[in-house]
């Protein structure tokens, strides 16, 4: 059985805010999801652990 997708969530309905603390301030970046499910812009280096990065390179 497969559950019917009843969620009408669209990419433009989602925003992700990434907060990074530096020694003097916080940096905030806004990330959106495109129609293919990819982040724009991608998260900065260091966000994902090493295993995720390796898997991503294989795809």
N, C-alpha and C. Protein backbone atom coordinates (compact mmCIF):
# COMPACT_ATOMS: atom_id res chain seq x y z
N UNK A 1 0.83 -1.18 0.00
CA UNK A 1 0.00 0.00 0.00
C UNK A 1 0.87 1.25 0.00
N UNK A 2 0.39 2.23 -0.68
CA UNK A 2 1.06 3.52 -0.71
C UNK A 2 0.04 4.57 -0.33
N UNK A 3 0.41 5.40 0.61
CA UNK A 3 -0.49 6.45 1.03
C UNK A 3 -0.53 7.55 -0.02
N UNK A 4 -1.72 7.98 -0.34
CA UNK A 4 -1.89 9.07 -1.30
C UNK A 4 -1.35 10.37 -0.69
N UNK A 5 -0.59 11.09 -1.49
CA UNK A 5 -0.03 12.36 -1.04
C UNK A 5 -1.13 13.41 -1.04
N UNK A 6 -1.54 13.81 0.14
CA UNK A 6 -2.58 14.82 0.26
C UNK A 6 -2.03 16.17 0.70
N UNK A 7 -0.72 16.26 0.76
CA UNK A 7 -0.09 17.51 1.18
C UNK A 7 0.14 18.38 -0.05
N UNK A 8 -0.36 19.56 -0.01
CA UNK A 8 -0.21 20.48 -1.14
C UNK A 8 0.91 21.48 -0.91
N UNK A 9 1.94 21.06 -0.20
CA UNK A 9 3.07 21.92 0.09
C UNK A 9 3.89 22.15 -1.17
N UNK A 10 4.10 23.41 -1.50
CA UNK A 10 4.86 23.77 -2.70
C UNK A 10 6.23 24.30 -2.27
N UNK A 11 7.22 24.21 -3.16
CA UNK A 11 8.56 24.71 -2.81
C UNK A 11 8.55 26.16 -2.33
N UNK A 12 7.72 26.99 -2.91
CA UNK A 12 7.70 28.40 -2.51
C UNK A 12 7.08 28.60 -1.12
N UNK A 13 6.47 27.55 -0.57
CA UNK A 13 5.91 27.62 0.78
C UNK A 13 6.97 27.38 1.87
N UNK A 14 8.17 26.99 1.47
CA UNK A 14 9.19 26.59 2.44
C UNK A 14 10.41 27.50 2.35
N UNK A 15 10.87 27.97 3.49
CA UNK A 15 12.14 28.69 3.60
C UNK A 15 12.88 28.14 4.80
N UNK A 16 14.19 28.05 4.67
CA UNK A 16 15.04 27.58 5.76
C UNK A 16 16.02 28.70 6.08
N UNK A 17 16.10 29.04 7.34
CA UNK A 17 17.04 30.07 7.78
C UNK A 17 18.19 29.40 8.51
N UNK A 18 19.40 29.68 8.06
CA UNK A 18 20.61 29.09 8.65
C UNK A 18 21.31 30.17 9.47
N UNK A 19 21.52 29.88 10.74
CA UNK A 19 22.17 30.82 11.65
C UNK A 19 23.57 30.32 11.95
N UNK A 20 24.54 31.20 11.78
CA UNK A 20 25.92 30.86 12.08
C UNK A 20 26.50 31.94 12.98
N UNK A 21 27.06 31.50 14.09
CA UNK A 21 27.64 32.46 15.03
C UNK A 21 29.13 32.61 14.75
N UNK A 22 29.56 33.83 14.59
CA UNK A 22 30.98 34.13 14.50
C UNK A 22 31.40 34.72 15.84
N UNK A 23 32.63 35.10 15.96
CA UNK A 23 33.10 35.64 17.24
C UNK A 23 32.41 36.94 17.63
N UNK A 24 31.96 37.70 16.64
CA UNK A 24 31.39 39.01 16.95
C UNK A 24 29.90 39.15 16.65
N UNK A 25 29.34 38.25 15.84
CA UNK A 25 27.94 38.43 15.44
C UNK A 25 27.35 37.12 14.93
N UNK A 26 26.07 37.17 14.62
CA UNK A 26 25.39 36.05 13.97
C UNK A 26 25.23 36.38 12.50
N UNK A 27 25.41 35.38 11.66
CA UNK A 27 25.12 35.53 10.24
C UNK A 27 23.89 34.68 9.94
N UNK A 28 22.95 35.26 9.22
CA UNK A 28 21.72 34.55 8.88
C UNK A 28 21.60 34.50 7.37
N UNK A 29 21.39 33.30 6.83
CA UNK A 29 21.15 33.17 5.39
C UNK A 29 19.81 32.47 5.18
N UNK A 30 19.12 32.88 4.15
CA UNK A 30 17.83 32.29 3.81
C UNK A 30 18.04 31.32 2.65
N UNK A 31 17.48 30.13 2.79
CA UNK A 31 17.60 29.10 1.77
C UNK A 31 16.20 28.68 1.34
N UNK A 32 16.03 28.51 0.05
CA UNK A 32 14.75 28.05 -0.48
C UNK A 32 14.94 26.69 -1.15
N UNK A 33 13.84 26.08 -1.49
CA UNK A 33 13.86 24.78 -2.17
C UNK A 33 13.27 24.97 -3.56
N UNK A 34 14.01 24.53 -4.59
CA UNK A 34 13.49 24.68 -5.95
C UNK A 34 12.52 23.56 -6.29
N UNK A 35 11.98 23.57 -7.48
CA UNK A 35 10.96 22.60 -7.89
C UNK A 35 11.50 21.17 -7.96
N UNK A 36 12.83 21.01 -7.99
CA UNK A 36 13.43 19.68 -8.00
C UNK A 36 13.85 19.23 -6.60
N UNK A 37 13.57 20.04 -5.59
CA UNK A 37 13.90 19.69 -4.22
C UNK A 37 15.31 20.04 -3.79
N UNK A 38 15.99 20.86 -4.57
CA UNK A 38 17.36 21.25 -4.23
C UNK A 38 17.36 22.58 -3.48
N UNK A 39 18.32 22.70 -2.55
CA UNK A 39 18.45 23.94 -1.80
C UNK A 39 19.12 25.02 -2.63
N UNK A 40 18.66 26.25 -2.44
CA UNK A 40 19.25 27.38 -3.13
C UNK A 40 19.38 28.53 -2.15
N UNK A 41 20.54 29.01 -1.80
CA UNK A 41 21.84 28.42 -2.08
C UNK A 41 22.07 27.20 -1.20
N UNK A 42 23.09 26.42 -1.54
CA UNK A 42 23.40 25.24 -0.74
C UNK A 42 23.90 25.68 0.63
N UNK A 43 23.81 24.79 1.61
CA UNK A 43 24.31 25.11 2.94
C UNK A 43 25.82 25.26 2.91
N UNK A 44 26.36 26.08 3.79
CA UNK A 44 27.82 26.28 3.82
C UNK A 44 28.56 25.01 4.23
N UNK A 45 29.84 24.96 3.91
CA UNK A 45 30.63 23.79 4.27
C UNK A 45 30.64 23.65 5.79
N UNK A 46 30.66 22.42 6.24
CA UNK A 46 30.63 22.15 7.66
C UNK A 46 29.24 21.88 8.19
N UNK A 47 28.20 22.15 7.40
CA UNK A 47 26.84 21.89 7.86
C UNK A 47 26.56 20.40 7.90
N UNK A 48 26.89 19.72 6.82
CA UNK A 48 26.67 18.28 6.74
C UNK A 48 27.88 17.55 7.28
N UNK A 49 27.65 16.35 7.83
CA UNK A 49 28.81 15.58 8.26
C UNK A 49 29.48 14.94 7.05
N UNK A 50 30.63 14.37 7.24
CA UNK A 50 31.45 13.84 6.15
C UNK A 50 30.75 12.71 5.39
N UNK A 51 30.00 11.85 6.07
CA UNK A 51 29.35 10.73 5.39
C UNK A 51 28.31 11.23 4.39
N UNK A 52 27.57 12.27 4.76
CA UNK A 52 26.59 12.82 3.83
C UNK A 52 27.28 13.39 2.59
N UNK A 53 28.36 14.08 2.80
CA UNK A 53 29.11 14.67 1.68
C UNK A 53 29.61 13.59 0.73
N UNK A 54 30.10 12.48 1.26
CA UNK A 54 30.58 11.38 0.42
C UNK A 54 29.44 10.76 -0.38
N UNK A 55 28.30 10.55 0.24
CA UNK A 55 27.15 9.98 -0.46
C UNK A 55 26.69 10.92 -1.55
N UNK A 56 26.65 12.19 -1.27
CA UNK A 56 26.21 13.19 -2.24
C UNK A 56 27.11 13.17 -3.48
N UNK A 57 28.42 12.97 -3.28
CA UNK A 57 29.34 12.92 -4.41
C UNK A 57 29.10 11.69 -5.28
N UNK A 58 28.61 10.61 -4.69
CA UNK A 58 28.34 9.39 -5.45
C UNK A 58 27.10 9.52 -6.33
N UNK A 59 26.19 10.40 -5.96
CA UNK A 59 24.94 10.55 -6.72
C UNK A 59 25.12 11.40 -7.90
